[in-house]
Amino acid sequence: MLEKGLSAQSSTTVDRSNVAATMGSGDLQVFATPAMVALMENAAMTAVAAHLPEGSTTVGAEMNVTHIKPSGVGAEIVASAVLTEVDGRKLTFNVGARDGESLIGEGVHVRFIVDREKFMSKVK
């Protein structure tokens, strides 16, 4: 059963694979915004995965975030997601990311519950 308050965290270490210069979102050796967004999405997906009907998953539909502070190579990043609203198949999360004690990003993320087979049948 999906209930408000379900939460999870995902973490990564900043390295050459997830910096802006490598990902093409900038030219600096700092944690890339797309990498932060992906980490937040992973936390949201994980928060509800065990509570979904068999054969279902969630897909990201909307992300509204602010990347507040840069993080350098070697920094440990922890993203969190908390389910704040359930409206049928639509799930809304508050998401955030921290570099140690510092908030580096925050926002709102929307995911939808989908049937895996039906969803994949639409992929060409």
PDB file of N, CA and C in Angstrom:
ATOM      1  N   MET A   1       0.845  -1.194   0.000  1.00  0.00           N
ATOM      2  CA  MET A   1       0.000   0.000   0.000  1.00  0.00           C
ATOM      3  C   MET A   1       0.882   1.245   0.000  1.00  0.00           C
ATOM      4  N   LEU A   2       0.610   2.133  -0.937  1.00  0.00           N
ATOM      5  CA  LEU A   2       1.388   3.369  -1.014  1.00  0.00           C
ATOM      6  C   LEU A   2       0.811   4.404  -0.056  1.00  0.00           C
ATOM      7  N   GLU A   3       1.659   4.882   0.821  1.00  0.00           N
ATOM      8  CA  GLU A   3       1.238   5.878   1.796  1.00  0.00           C
ATOM      9  C   GLU A   3       2.230   7.032   1.821  1.00  0.00           C
ATOM     10  N   LYS A   4       1.722   8.223   2.074  1.00  0.00           N
ATOM     11  CA  LYS A   4       2.594   9.378   2.244  1.00  0.00           C
ATOM     12  C   LYS A   4       3.633   9.054   3.307  1.00  0.00           C
ATOM     13  N   GLY A   5       4.831   9.568   3.088  1.00  0.00           N
ATOM     14  CA  GLY A   5       5.896   9.379   4.060  1.00  0.00           C
ATOM     15  C   GLY A   5       6.892   8.299   3.689  1.00  0.00           C
ATOM     16  N   LEU A   6       6.548   7.438   2.718  1.00  0.00           N
ATOM     17  CA  LEU A   6       7.536   6.458   2.280  1.00  0.00           C
ATOM     18  C   LEU A   6       8.768   7.207   1.804  1.00  0.00           C
ATOM     19  N   SER A   7       9.957   6.698   2.126  1.00  0.00           N
ATOM     20  CA  SER A   7      11.174   7.432   1.772  1.00  0.00           C
ATOM     21  C   SER A   7      12.328   6.476   1.512  1.00  0.00           C
ATOM     22  N   ALA A   8      13.336   6.994   0.855  1.00  0.00           N
ATOM     23  CA  ALA A   8      14.563   6.242   0.601  1.00  0.00           C
ATOM     24  C   ALA A   8      15.684   7.221   0.306  1.00  0.00           C
ATOM     25  N   GLN A   9      16.899   6.690   0.352  1.00  0.00           N
ATOM     26  CA  GLN A   9      18.090   7.468   0.013  1.00  0.00           C
ATOM     27  C   GLN A   9      18.917   6.690  -1.002  1.00  0.00           C
ATOM     28  N   SER A  10      19.643   7.416  -1.824  1.00  0.00           N
ATOM     29  CA  SER A  10      20.611   6.849  -2.763  1.00  0.00           C
ATOM     30  C   SER A  10      21.877   7.672  -2.643  1.00  0.00           C
ATOM     31  N   SER A  11      23.014   7.020  -2.820  1.00  0.00           N
ATOM     32  CA  SER A  11      24.263   7.769  -2.669  1.00  0.00           C
ATOM     33  C   SER A  11      25.254   7.421  -3.768  1.00  0.00           C
ATOM     34  N   THR A  12      26.193   8.319  -3.957  1.00  0.00           N
ATOM     35  CA  THR A  12      27.280   8.129  -4.909  1.00  0.00           C
ATOM     36  C   THR A  12      28.453   8.983  -4.466  1.00  0.00           C
ATOM     37  N   THR A  13      29.593   8.686  -5.032  1.00  0.00           N
ATOM     38  CA  THR A  13      30.784   9.502  -4.822  1.00  0.00           C
ATOM     39  C   THR A  13      31.068  10.230  -6.131  1.00  0.00           C
ATOM     40  N   VAL A  14      31.370  11.509  -6.030  1.00  0.00           N
ATOM     41  CA  VAL A  14      31.695  12.278  -7.228  1.00  0.00           C
ATOM     42  C   VAL A  14      33.025  11.770  -7.780  1.00  0.00           C
ATOM     43  N   ASP A  15      32.990  11.384  -9.060  1.00  0.00           N
ATOM     44  CA  ASP A  15      34.213  10.950  -9.740  1.00  0.00           C
ATOM     45  C   ASP A  15      34.160  11.459 -11.186  1.00  0.00           C
ATOM     46  N   ARG A  16      35.131  11.093 -11.959  1.00  0.00           N
ATOM     47  CA  ARG A  16      35.220  11.593 -13.338  1.00  0.00           C
ATOM     48  C   ARG A  16      34.000  11.220 -14.187  1.00  0.00           C
ATOM     49  N   SER A  17      33.291  10.136 -13.831  1.00  0.00           N
ATOM     50  CA  SER A  17      32.153   9.701 -14.640  1.00  0.00           C
ATOM     51  C   SER A  17      30.904  10.552 -14.455  1.00  0.00           C
ATOM     52  N   ASN A  18      30.788  11.273 -13.332  1.00  0.00           N
ATOM     53  CA  ASN A  18      29.561  12.022 -13.070  1.00  0.00           C
ATOM     54  C   ASN A  18      29.780  13.524 -12.864  1.00  0.00           C
ATOM     55  N   VAL A  19      30.893  14.034 -13.406  1.00  0.00           N
ATOM     56  CA  VAL A  19      31.132  15.478 -13.344  1.00  0.00           C
ATOM     57  C   VAL A  19      30.578  16.147 -14.603  1.00  0.00           C
ATOM     58  N   ALA A  20      30.330  17.439 -14.489  1.00  0.00           N
ATOM     59  CA  ALA A  20      29.725  18.200 -15.592  1.00  0.00           C
ATOM     60  C   ALA A  20      30.545  18.108 -16.873  1.00  0.00           C
ATOM     61  N   ALA A  21      31.869  18.156 -16.765  1.00  0.00           N
ATOM     62  CA  ALA A  21      32.716  18.122 -17.958  1.00  0.00           C
ATOM     63  C   ALA A  21      32.545  16.809 -18.726  1.00  0.00           C
ATOM     64  N   THR A  22      32.390  15.701 -18.029  1.00  0.00           N
ATOM     65  CA  THR A  22      32.214  14.403 -18.675  1.00  0.00           C
ATOM     66  C   THR A  22      30.804  14.238 -19.221  1.00  0.00           C
ATOM     67  N   MET A  23      29.811  14.676 -18.465  1.00  0.00           N
ATOM     68  CA  MET A  23      28.416  14.473 -18.856  1.00  0.00           C
ATOM     69  C   MET A  23      27.929  15.474 -19.901  1.00  0.00           C
ATOM     70  N   GLY A  24      28.721  16.511 -20.147  1.00  0.00           N
ATOM     71  CA  GLY A  24      28.354  17.478 -21.179  1.00  0.00           C
ATOM     72  C   GLY A  24      27.406  18.563 -20.719  1.00  0.00           C
ATOM     73  N   SER A  25      27.214  18.673 -19.405  1.00  0.00           N
ATOM     74  CA  SER A  25      26.312  19.707 -18.894  1.00  0.00           C
ATOM     75  C   SER A  25      27.066  20.951 -18.442  1.00  0.00           C
ATOM     76  N   GLY A  26      28.346  20.953 -18.628  1.00  0.00           N
ATOM     77  CA  GLY A  26      29.212  22.069 -18.258  1.00  0.00           C
ATOM     78  C   GLY A  26      30.641  21.667 -18.565  1.00  0.00           C
ATOM     79  N   ASP A  27      31.597  22.522 -18.151  1.00  0.00           N
ATOM     80  CA  ASP A  27      32.990  22.191 -18.447  1.00  0.00           C
ATOM     81  C   ASP A  27      33.866  22.165 -17.194  1.00  0.00           C
ATOM     82  N   LEU A  28      33.227  21.993 -16.027  1.00  0.00           N
ATOM     83  CA  LEU A  28      33.970  21.952 -14.773  1.00  0.00           C
ATOM     84  C   LEU A  28      33.972  20.552 -14.179  1.00  0.00           C
ATOM     85  N   GLN A  29      34.941  20.308 -13.313  1.00  0.00           N
ATOM     86  CA  GLN A  29      35.069  19.017 -12.623  1.00  0.00           C
ATOM     87  C   GLN A  29      34.267  19.059 -11.312  1.00  0.00           C
ATOM     88  N   VAL A  30      32.954  19.254 -11.432  1.00  0.00           N
ATOM     89  CA  VAL A  30      32.034  19.280 -10.290  1.00  0.00           C
ATOM     90  C   VAL A  30      30.864  18.353 -10.586  1.00  0.00           C
ATOM     91  N   PHE A  31      30.166  17.907  -9.533  1.00  0.00           N
ATOM     92  CA  PHE A  31      29.027  17.003  -9.677  1.00  0.00           C
ATOM     93  C   PHE A  31      28.019  17.615 -10.637  1.00  0.00           C
ATOM     94  N   ALA A  32      27.681  16.860 -11.672  1.00  0.00           N
ATOM     95  CA  ALA A  32      26.792  17.352 -12.725  1.00  0.00           C
ATOM     96  C   ALA A  32      25.337  17.369 -12.264  1.00  0.00           C
ATOM     97  N   THR A  33      24.616  18.387 -12.686  1.00  0.00           N
ATOM     98  CA  THR A  33      23.187  18.464 -12.378  1.00  0.00           C
ATOM     99  C   THR A  33      22.436  17.229 -12.882  1.00  0.00           C
ATOM    100  N   PRO A  34      22.687  16.725 -14.110  1.00  0.00           N
ATOM    101  CA  PRO A  34      21.983  15.511 -14.538  1.00  0.00           C
ATOM    102  C   PRO A  34      22.263  14.305 -13.631  1.00  0.00           C
ATOM    103  N   ALA A  35      23.464  14.225 -13.073  1.00  0.00           N
ATOM    104  CA  ALA A  35      23.792  13.136 -12.159  1.00  0.00           C
ATOM    105  C   ALA A  35      23.024  13.292 -10.846  1.00  0.00           C
ATOM    106  N   MET A  36      22.868  14.529 -10.383  1.00  0.00           N
ATOM    107  CA  MET A  36      22.100  14.779  -9.162  1.00  0.00           C
ATOM    108  C   MET A  36      20.637  14.402  -9.380  1.00  0.00           C
ATOM    109  N   VAL A  37      20.096  14.787 -10.527  1.00  0.00           N
ATOM    110  CA  VAL A  37      18.708  14.464 -10.847  1.00  0.00           C
ATOM    111  C   VAL A  37      18.508  12.952 -10.896  1.00  0.00           C
ATOM    112  N   ALA A  38      19.421  12.229 -11.539  1.00  0.00           N
ATOM    113  CA  ALA A  38      19.311  10.772 -11.625  1.00  0.00           C
ATOM    114  C   ALA A  38      19.360  10.135 -10.236  1.00  0.00           C
ATOM    115  N   LEU A  39      20.192  10.646  -9.353  1.00  0.00           N
ATOM    116  CA  LEU A  39      20.294  10.117  -7.997  1.00  0.00           C
ATOM    117  C   LEU A  39      18.992  10.359  -7.230  1.00  0.00           C
ATOM    118  N   MET A  40      18.406  11.534  -7.406  1.00  0.00           N
ATOM    119  CA  MET A  40      17.115  11.845  -6.778  1.00  0.00           C
ATOM    120  C   MET A  40      16.017  10.915  -7.311  1.00  0.00           C
ATOM    121  N   GLU A  41      16.011  10.695  -8.629  1.00  0.00           N
ATOM    122  CA  GLU A  41      15.024   9.791  -9.221  1.00  0.00           C
ATOM    123  C   GLU A  41      15.179   8.385  -8.670  1.00  0.00           C
ATOM    124  N   ASN A  42      16.422   7.937  -8.513  1.00  0.00           N
ATOM    125  CA  ASN A  42      16.663   6.603  -7.976  1.00  0.00           C
ATOM    126  C   ASN A  42      16.118   6.477  -6.559  1.00  0.00           C
ATOM    127  N   ALA A  43      16.306   7.501  -5.746  1.00  0.00           N
ATOM    128  CA  ALA A  43      15.785   7.478  -4.376  1.00  0.00           C
ATOM    129  C   ALA A  43      14.263   7.394  -4.388  1.00  0.00           C
ATOM    130  N   ALA A  44      13.608   8.155  -5.274  1.00  0.00           N
ATOM    131  CA  ALA A  44      12.147   8.128  -5.365  1.00  0.00           C
ATOM    132  C   ALA A  44      11.650   6.762  -5.822  1.00  0.00           C
ATOM    133  N   MET A  45      12.278   6.213  -6.857  1.00  0.00           N
ATOM    134  CA  MET A  45      11.905   4.897  -7.363  1.00  0.00           C
ATOM    135  C   MET A  45      12.033   3.850  -6.248  1.00  0.00           C
ATOM    136  N   THR A  46      13.133   3.898  -5.525  1.00  0.00           N
ATOM    137  CA  THR A  46      13.406   2.942  -4.459  1.00  0.00           C
ATOM    138  C   THR A  46      12.411   3.067  -3.310  1.00  0.00           C
ATOM    139  N   ALA A  47      11.984   4.283  -3.015  1.00  0.00           N
ATOM    140  CA  ALA A  47      11.068   4.528  -1.888  1.00  0.00           C
ATOM    141  C   ALA A  47       9.766   3.748  -2.007  1.00  0.00           C
ATOM    142  N   VAL A  48       9.291   3.566  -3.231  1.00  0.00           N
ATOM    143  CA  VAL A  48       7.986   2.927  -3.416  1.00  0.00           C
ATOM    144  C   VAL A  48       8.045   1.545  -4.043  1.00  0.00           C
ATOM    145  N   ALA A  49       9.197   1.114  -4.524  1.00  0.00           N
ATOM    146  CA  ALA A  49       9.313  -0.125  -5.304  1.00  0.00           C
ATOM    147  C   ALA A  49       8.704  -1.338  -4.609  1.00  0.00           C
ATOM    148  N   ALA A  50       8.956  -1.504  -3.341  1.00  0.00           N
ATOM    149  CA  ALA A  50       8.467  -2.695  -2.622  1.00  0.00           C
ATOM    150  C   ALA A  50       6.972  -2.639  -2.338  1.00  0.00           C
ATOM    151  N   HIS A  51       6.335  -1.520  -2.596  1.00  0.00           N
ATOM    152  CA  HIS A  51       4.919  -1.332  -2.270  1.00  0.00           C
ATOM    153  C   HIS A  51       4.021  -1.342  -3.501  1.00  0.00           C
ATOM    154  N   LEU A  52       4.587  -1.635  -4.667  1.00  0.00           N
ATOM    155  CA  LEU A  52       3.825  -1.619  -5.915  1.00  0.00           C
ATOM    156  C   LEU A  52       3.210  -2.986  -6.197  1.00  0.00           C
ATOM    157  N   PRO A  53       2.122  -3.001  -6.967  1.00  0.00           N
ATOM    158  CA  PRO A  53       1.546  -4.282  -7.377  1.00  0.00           C
ATOM    159  C   PRO A  53       2.554  -5.058  -8.230  1.00  0.00           C
ATOM    160  N   GLU A  54       2.448  -6.378  -8.198  1.00  0.00           N
ATOM    161  CA  GLU A  54       3.337  -7.210  -8.996  1.00  0.00           C
ATOM    162  C   GLU A  54       3.219  -6.835 -10.471  1.00  0.00           C
ATOM    163  N   GLY A  55       4.355  -6.753 -11.146  1.00  0.00           N
ATOM    164  CA  GLY A  55       4.374  -6.405 -12.565  1.00  0.00           C
ATOM    165  C   GLY A  55       4.391  -4.910 -12.824  1.00  0.00           C
ATOM    166  N   SER A  56       4.404  -4.117 -11.759  1.00  0.00           N
ATOM    167  CA  SER A  56       4.403  -2.656 -11.909  1.00  0.00           C
ATOM    168  C   SER A  56       5.764  -2.070 -11.572  1.00  0.00           C
ATOM    169  N   THR A  57       5.990  -0.871 -12.068  1.00  0.00           N
ATOM    170  CA  THR A  57       7.157  -0.082 -11.723  1.00  0.00           C
ATOM    171  C   THR A  57       6.731   1.384 -11.788  1.00  0.00           C
ATOM    172  N   THR A  58       7.666   2.286 -11.570  1.00  0.00           N
ATOM    173  CA  THR A  58       7.361   3.708 -11.738  1.00  0.00           C
ATOM    174  C   THR A  58       8.296   4.299 -12.776  1.00  0.00           C
ATOM    175  N   VAL A  59       7.811   5.325 -13.458  1.00  0.00           N
ATOM    176  CA  VAL A  59       8.622   6.052 -14.433  1.00  0.00           C
ATOM    177  C   VAL A  59       8.570   7.533 -14.092  1.00  0.00           C
ATOM    178  N   GLY A  60       9.702   8.201 -14.283  1.00  0.00           N
ATOM    179  CA  GLY A  60       9.770   9.626 -14.030  1.00  0.00           C
ATOM    180  C   GLY A  60       9.019  10.401 -15.086  1.00  0.00           C
ATOM    181  N   ALA A  61       8.311  11.439 -14.660  1.00  0.00           N
ATOM    182  CA  ALA A  61       7.537  12.255 -15.588  1.00  0.00           C
ATOM    183  C   ALA A  61       7.877  13.741 -15.484  1.00  0.00           C
ATOM    184  N   GLU A  62       8.297  14.164 -14.318  1.00  0.00           N
ATOM    185  CA  GLU A  62       8.560  15.595 -14.117  1.00  0.00           C
ATOM    186  C   GLU A  62       9.583  15.760 -13.009  1.00  0.00           C
ATOM    187  N   MET A  63      10.478  16.735 -13.201  1.00  0.00           N
ATOM    188  CA  MET A  63      11.476  17.039 -12.185  1.00  0.00           C
ATOM    189  C   MET A  63      11.664  18.549 -12.164  1.00  0.00           C
ATOM    190  N   ASN A  64      11.477  19.134 -11.005  1.00  0.00           N
ATOM    191  CA  ASN A  64      11.688  20.568 -10.840  1.00  0.00           C
ATOM    192  C   ASN A  64      12.656  20.728  -9.673  1.00  0.00           C
ATOM    193  N   VAL A  65      13.930  20.948  -9.997  1.00  0.00           N
ATOM    194  CA  VAL A  65      14.952  21.033  -8.954  1.00  0.00           C
ATOM    195  C   VAL A  65      15.820  22.267  -9.120  1.00  0.00           C
ATOM    196  N   THR A  66      16.423  22.623  -8.019  1.00  0.00           N
ATOM    197  CA  THR A  66      17.423  23.677  -7.992  1.00  0.00           C
ATOM    198  C   THR A  66      18.728  23.061  -7.525  1.00  0.00           C
ATOM    199  N   HIS A  67      19.804  23.290  -8.305  1.00  0.00           N
ATOM    200  CA  HIS A  67      21.132  22.826  -7.905  1.00  0.00           C
ATOM    201  C   HIS A  67      21.799  24.022  -7.234  1.00  0.00           C
ATOM    202  N   ILE A  68      21.955  23.946  -5.931  1.00  0.00           N
ATOM    203  CA  ILE A  68      22.314  25.094  -5.101  1.00  0.00           C
ATOM    204  C   ILE A  68      23.819  25.304  -4.946  1.00  0.00           C
ATOM    205  N   LYS A  69      24.565  24.186  -4.842  1.00  0.00           N
ATOM    206  CA  LYS A  69      25.978  24.287  -4.458  1.00  0.00           C
ATOM    207  C   LYS A  69      26.799  23.249  -5.213  1.00  0.00           C
ATOM    208  N   PRO A  70      28.016  23.611  -5.653  1.00  0.00           N
ATOM    209  CA  PRO A  70      28.869  22.636  -6.341  1.00  0.00           C
ATOM    210  C   PRO A  70      29.516  21.658  -5.360  1.00  0.00           C
ATOM    211  N   SER A  71      29.804  20.464  -5.879  1.00  0.00           N
ATOM    212  CA  SER A  71      30.508  19.440  -5.105  1.00  0.00           C
ATOM    213  C   SER A  71      31.645  18.908  -5.959  1.00  0.00           C
ATOM    214  N   GLY A  72      32.833  18.817  -5.369  1.00  0.00           N
ATOM    215  CA  GLY A  72      34.004  18.393  -6.113  1.00  0.00           C
ATOM    216  C   GLY A  72      34.229  16.897  -6.117  1.00  0.00           C
ATOM    217  N   VAL A  73      35.185  16.475  -6.925  1.00  0.00           N
ATOM    218  CA  VAL A  73      35.563  15.065  -7.022  1.00  0.00           C
ATOM    219  C   VAL A  73      35.937  14.558  -5.630  1.00  0.00           C
ATOM    220  N   GLY A  74      35.408  13.386  -5.290  1.00  0.00           N
ATOM    221  CA  GLY A  74      35.651  12.787  -3.989  1.00  0.00           C
ATOM    222  C   GLY A  74      34.537  13.005  -2.982  1.00  0.00           C
ATOM    223  N   ALA A  75      33.662  13.968  -3.244  1.00  0.00           N
ATOM    224  CA  ALA A  75      32.559  14.232  -2.315  1.00  0.00           C
ATOM    225  C   ALA A  75      31.547  13.088  -2.335  1.00  0.00           C
ATOM    226  N   GLU A  76      31.009  12.765  -1.176  1.00  0.00           N
ATOM    227  CA  GLU A  76      29.947  11.762  -1.056  1.00  0.00           C
ATOM    228  C   GLU A  76      28.609  12.495  -1.118  1.00  0.00           C
ATOM    229  N   ILE A  77      27.774  12.102  -2.078  1.00  0.00           N
ATOM    230  CA  ILE A  77      26.473  12.738  -2.273  1.00  0.00           C
ATOM    231  C   ILE A  77      25.385  11.766  -1.848  1.00  0.00           C
ATOM    232  N   VAL A  78      24.433  12.237  -1.041  1.00  0.00           N
ATOM    233  CA  VAL A  78      23.293  11.432  -0.619  1.00  0.00           C
ATOM    234  C   VAL A  78      22.017  12.160  -1.042  1.00  0.00           C
ATOM    235  N   ALA A  79      21.215  11.490  -1.869  1.00  0.00           N
ATOM    236  CA  ALA A  79      19.930  12.031  -2.296  1.00  0.00           C
ATOM    237  C   ALA A  79      18.829  11.344  -1.510  1.00  0.00           C
ATOM    238  N   SER A  80      17.790  12.089  -1.204  1.00  0.00           N
ATOM    239  CA  SER A  80      16.653  11.526  -0.481  1.00  0.00           C
ATOM    240  C   SER A  80      15.365  11.886  -1.212  1.00  0.00           C
ATOM    241  N   ALA A  81      14.370  11.028  -1.020  1.00  0.00           N
ATOM    242  CA  ALA A  81      13.046  11.270  -1.597  1.00  0.00           C
ATOM    243  C   ALA A  81      11.996  10.857  -0.583  1.00  0.00           C
ATOM    244  N   VAL A  82      10.972  11.683  -0.432  1.00  0.00           N
ATOM    245  CA  VAL A  82       9.855  11.398   0.468  1.00  0.00           C
ATOM    246  C   VAL A  82       8.570  11.524  -0.329  1.00  0.00           C
ATOM    247  N   LEU A  83       7.749  10.482  -0.302  1.00  0.00           N
ATOM    248  CA  LEU A  83       6.465  10.507  -0.996  1.00  0.00           C
ATOM    249  C   LEU A  83       5.528  11.455  -0.252  1.00  0.00           C
ATOM    250  N   THR A  84       5.052  12.482  -0.958  1.00  0.00           N
ATOM    251  CA  THR A  84       4.205  13.492  -0.321  1.00  0.00           C
ATOM    252  C   THR A  84       2.760  13.463  -0.802  1.00  0.00           C
ATOM    253  N   GLU A  85       2.511  12.830  -1.962  1.00  0.00           N
ATOM    254  CA  GLU A  85       1.148  12.805  -2.481  1.00  0.00           C
ATOM    255  C   GLU A  85       0.945  11.587  -3.372  1.00  0.00           C
ATOM    256  N   VAL A  86      -0.202  10.935  -3.205  1.00  0.00           N
ATOM    257  CA  VAL A  86      -0.607   9.821  -4.054  1.00  0.00           C
ATOM    258  C   VAL A  86      -1.942  10.200  -4.667  1.00  0.00           C
ATOM    259  N   ASP A  87      -1.974  10.291  -6.006  1.00  0.00           N
ATOM    260  CA  ASP A  87      -3.196  10.652  -6.727  1.00  0.00           C
ATOM    261  C   ASP A  87      -3.394   9.625  -7.842  1.00  0.00           C
ATOM    262  N   GLY A  88      -4.009   8.507  -7.508  1.00  0.00           N
ATOM    263  CA  GLY A  88      -4.146   7.426  -8.473  1.00  0.00           C
ATOM    264  C   GLY A  88      -2.774   6.864  -8.795  1.00  0.00           C
ATOM    265  N   ARG A  89      -2.408   6.901 -10.078  1.00  0.00           N
ATOM    266  CA  ARG A  89      -1.091   6.405 -10.506  1.00  0.00           C
ATOM    267  C   ARG A  89       0.006   7.457 -10.358  1.00  0.00           C
ATOM    268  N   LYS A  90      -0.362   8.699 -10.074  1.00  0.00           N
ATOM    269  CA  LYS A  90       0.596   9.804  -9.973  1.00  0.00           C
ATOM    270  C   LYS A  90       1.154   9.909  -8.551  1.00  0.00           C
ATOM    271  N   LEU A  91       2.487   9.881  -8.459  1.00  0.00           N
ATOM    272  CA  LEU A  91       3.173   9.972  -7.171  1.00  0.00           C
ATOM    273  C   LEU A  91       4.052  11.220  -7.149  1.00  0.00           C
ATOM    274  N   THR A  92       3.948  12.009  -6.091  1.00  0.00           N
ATOM    275  CA  THR A  92       4.742  13.227  -5.973  1.00  0.00           C
ATOM    276  C   THR A  92       5.687  13.094  -4.780  1.00  0.00           C
ATOM    277  N   PHE A  93       6.938  13.475  -4.995  1.00  0.00           N
ATOM    278  CA  PHE A  93       7.990  13.352  -3.988  1.00  0.00           C
ATOM    279  C   PHE A  93       8.660  14.693  -3.747  1.00  0.00           C
ATOM    280  N   ASN A  94       9.049  14.944  -2.507  1.00  0.00           N
ATOM    281  CA  ASN A  94      10.017  15.996  -2.212  1.00  0.00           C
ATOM    282  C   ASN A  94      11.376  15.321  -2.286  1.00  0.00           C
ATOM    283  N   VAL A  95      12.296  15.924  -3.022  1.00  0.00           N
ATOM    284  CA  VAL A  95      13.628  15.355  -3.183  1.00  0.00           C
ATOM    285  C   VAL A  95      14.681  16.363  -2.737  1.00  0.00           C
ATOM    286  N   GLY A  96      15.809  15.833  -2.308  1.00  0.00           N
ATOM    287  CA  GLY A  96      16.917  16.689  -1.904  1.00  0.00           C
ATOM    288  C   GLY A  96      18.218  15.929  -2.046  1.00  0.00           C
ATOM    289  N   ALA A  97      19.311  16.659  -2.060  1.00  0.00           N
ATOM    290  CA  ALA A  97      20.639  16.044  -2.106  1.00  0.00           C
ATOM    291  C   ALA A  97      21.566  16.835  -1.200  1.00  0.00           C
ATOM    292  N   ARG A  98      22.439  16.097  -0.530  1.00  0.00           N
ATOM    293  CA  ARG A  98      23.390  16.696   0.401  1.00  0.00           C
ATOM    294  C   ARG A  98      24.800  16.225   0.100  1.00  0.00           C
ATOM    295  N   ASP A  99      25.736  17.091   0.366  1.00  0.00           N
ATOM    296  CA  ASP A  99      27.168  16.829   0.286  1.00  0.00           C
ATOM    297  C   ASP A  99      27.653  17.013   1.719  1.00  0.00           C
ATOM    298  N   GLY A 100      27.701  15.919   2.473  1.00  0.00           N
ATOM    299  CA  GLY A 100      27.992  16.056   3.900  1.00  0.00           C
ATOM    300  C   GLY A 100      26.822  16.735   4.578  1.00  0.00           C
ATOM    301  N   GLU A 101      27.090  17.808   5.265  1.00  0.00           N
ATOM    302  CA  GLU A 101      26.038  18.545   5.972  1.00  0.00           C
ATOM    303  C   GLU A 101      25.372  19.612   5.108  1.00  0.00           C
ATOM    304  N   SER A 102      25.919  19.870   3.935  1.00  0.00           N
ATOM    305  CA  SER A 102      25.412  20.958   3.088  1.00  0.00           C
ATOM    306  C   SER A 102      24.354  20.482   2.097  1.00  0.00           C
ATOM    307  N   LEU A 103      23.259  21.203   2.027  1.00  0.00           N
ATOM    308  CA  LEU A 103      22.238  20.960   1.024  1.00  0.00           C
ATOM    309  C   LEU A 103      22.792  21.429  -0.320  1.00  0.00           C
ATOM    310  N   ILE A 104      22.789  20.539  -1.324  1.00  0.00           N
ATOM    311  CA  ILE A 104      23.304  20.937  -2.641  1.00  0.00           C
ATOM    312  C   ILE A 104      22.196  21.044  -3.687  1.00  0.00           C
ATOM    313  N   GLY A 105      21.018  20.455  -3.390  1.00  0.00           N
ATOM    314  CA  GLY A 105      19.917  20.534  -4.342  1.00  0.00           C
ATOM    315  C   GLY A 105      18.620  20.103  -3.691  1.00  0.00           C
ATOM    316  N   GLU A 106      17.505  20.620  -4.222  1.00  0.00           N
ATOM    317  CA  GLU A 106      16.195  20.263  -3.699  1.00  0.00           C
ATOM    318  C   GLU A 106      15.135  20.513  -4.747  1.00  0.00           C
ATOM    319  N   GLY A 107      13.983  19.852  -4.571  1.00  0.00           N
ATOM    320  CA  GLY A 107      12.907  20.069  -5.515  1.00  0.00           C
ATOM    321  C   GLY A 107      11.759  19.102  -5.347  1.00  0.00           C
ATOM    322  N   VAL A 108      10.970  18.992  -6.424  1.00  0.00           N
ATOM    323  CA  VAL A 108       9.787  18.143  -6.462  1.00  0.00           C
ATOM    324  C   VAL A 108       9.894  17.246  -7.686  1.00  0.00           C
ATOM    325  N   HIS A 109       9.555  15.979  -7.499  1.00  0.00           N
ATOM    326  CA  HIS A 109       9.647  14.981  -8.570  1.00  0.00           C
ATOM    327  C   HIS A 109       8.321  14.232  -8.667  1.00  0.00           C
ATOM    328  N   VAL A 110       7.840  14.029  -9.903  1.00  0.00           N
ATOM    329  CA  VAL A 110       6.603  13.283 -10.149  1.00  0.00           C
ATOM    330  C   VAL A 110       6.935  12.009 -10.912  1.00  0.00           C
ATOM    331  N   ARG A 111       6.377  10.897 -10.436  1.00  0.00           N
ATOM    332  CA  ARG A 111       6.504   9.604 -11.103  1.00  0.00           C
ATOM    333  C   ARG A 111       5.109   9.029 -11.294  1.00  0.00           C
ATOM    334  N   PHE A 112       4.973   8.127 -12.268  1.00  0.00           N
ATOM    335  CA  PHE A 112       3.712   7.441 -12.492  1.00  0.00           C
ATOM    336  C   PHE A 112       3.921   5.945 -12.373  1.00  0.00           C
ATOM    337  N   ILE A 113       2.949   5.278 -11.783  1.00  0.00           N
ATOM    338  CA  ILE A 113       2.960   3.818 -11.715  1.00  0.00           C
ATOM    339  C   ILE A 113       2.506   3.295 -13.075  1.00  0.00           C
ATOM    340  N   VAL A 114       3.270   2.357 -13.624  1.00  0.00           N
ATOM    341  CA  VAL A 114       2.926   1.748 -14.913  1.00  0.00           C
ATOM    342  C   VAL A 114       3.078   0.231 -14.821  1.00  0.00           C
ATOM    343  N   ASP A 115       2.339  -0.455 -15.679  1.00  0.00           N
ATOM    344  CA  ASP A 115       2.524  -1.890 -15.853  1.00  0.00           C
ATOM    345  C   ASP A 115       3.735  -2.065 -16.764  1.00  0.00           C
ATOM    346  N   ARG A 116       4.706  -2.835 -16.318  1.00  0.00           N
ATOM    347  CA  ARG A 116       5.960  -2.999 -17.066  1.00  0.00           C
ATOM    348  C   ARG A 116       5.732  -3.463 -18.504  1.00  0.00           C
ATOM    349  N   GLU A 117       4.967  -4.555 -18.675  1.00  0.00           N
ATOM    350  CA  GLU A 117       4.771  -5.116 -20.015  1.00  0.00           C
ATOM    351  C   GLU A 117       4.029  -4.151 -20.927  1.00  0.00           C
ATOM    352  N   LYS A 118       2.973  -3.554 -20.424  1.00  0.00           N
ATOM    353  CA  LYS A 118       2.194  -2.613 -21.246  1.00  0.00           C
ATOM    354  C   LYS A 118       3.058  -1.417 -21.630  1.00  0.00           C
ATOM    355  N   PHE A 119       3.836  -0.915 -20.703  1.00  0.00           N
ATOM    356  CA  PHE A 119       4.695   0.233 -20.969  1.00  0.00           C
ATOM    357  C   PHE A 119       5.729  -0.112 -22.037  1.00  0.00           C
ATOM    358  N   MET A 120       6.402  -1.245 -21.865  1.00  0.00           N
ATOM    359  CA  MET A 120       7.458  -1.643 -22.805  1.00  0.00           C
ATOM    360  C   MET A 120       6.901  -1.998 -24.184  1.00  0.00           C
ATOM    361  N   SER A 121       5.630  -2.379 -24.255  1.00  0.00           N
ATOM    362  CA  SER A 121       5.034  -2.694 -25.562  1.00  0.00           C
ATOM    363  C   SER A 121       4.918  -1.449 -26.432  1.00  0.00           C
ATOM    364  N   LYS A 122       5.021  -0.276 -25.828  1.00  0.00           N
ATOM    365  CA  LYS A 122       4.937   0.999 -26.571  1.00  0.00           C
ATOM    366  C   LYS A 122       6.286   1.429 -27.136  1.00  0.00           C
ATOM    367  N   VAL A 123       7.360   0.756 -26.694  1.00  0.00           N
ATOM    368  CA  VAL A 123       8.706   1.107 -27.152  1.00  0.00           C
ATOM    369  C   VAL A 123       8.958   0.446 -28.505  1.00  0.00           C
ATOM    370  N   LYS A 124       9.419   1.228 -29.454  1.00  0.00           N
ATOM    371  CA  LYS A 124       9.692   0.688 -30.786  1.00  0.00           C
ATOM    372  C   LYS A 124      11.165   0.531 -31.004  1.00  0.00           C
TER     373      LYS A 124
END
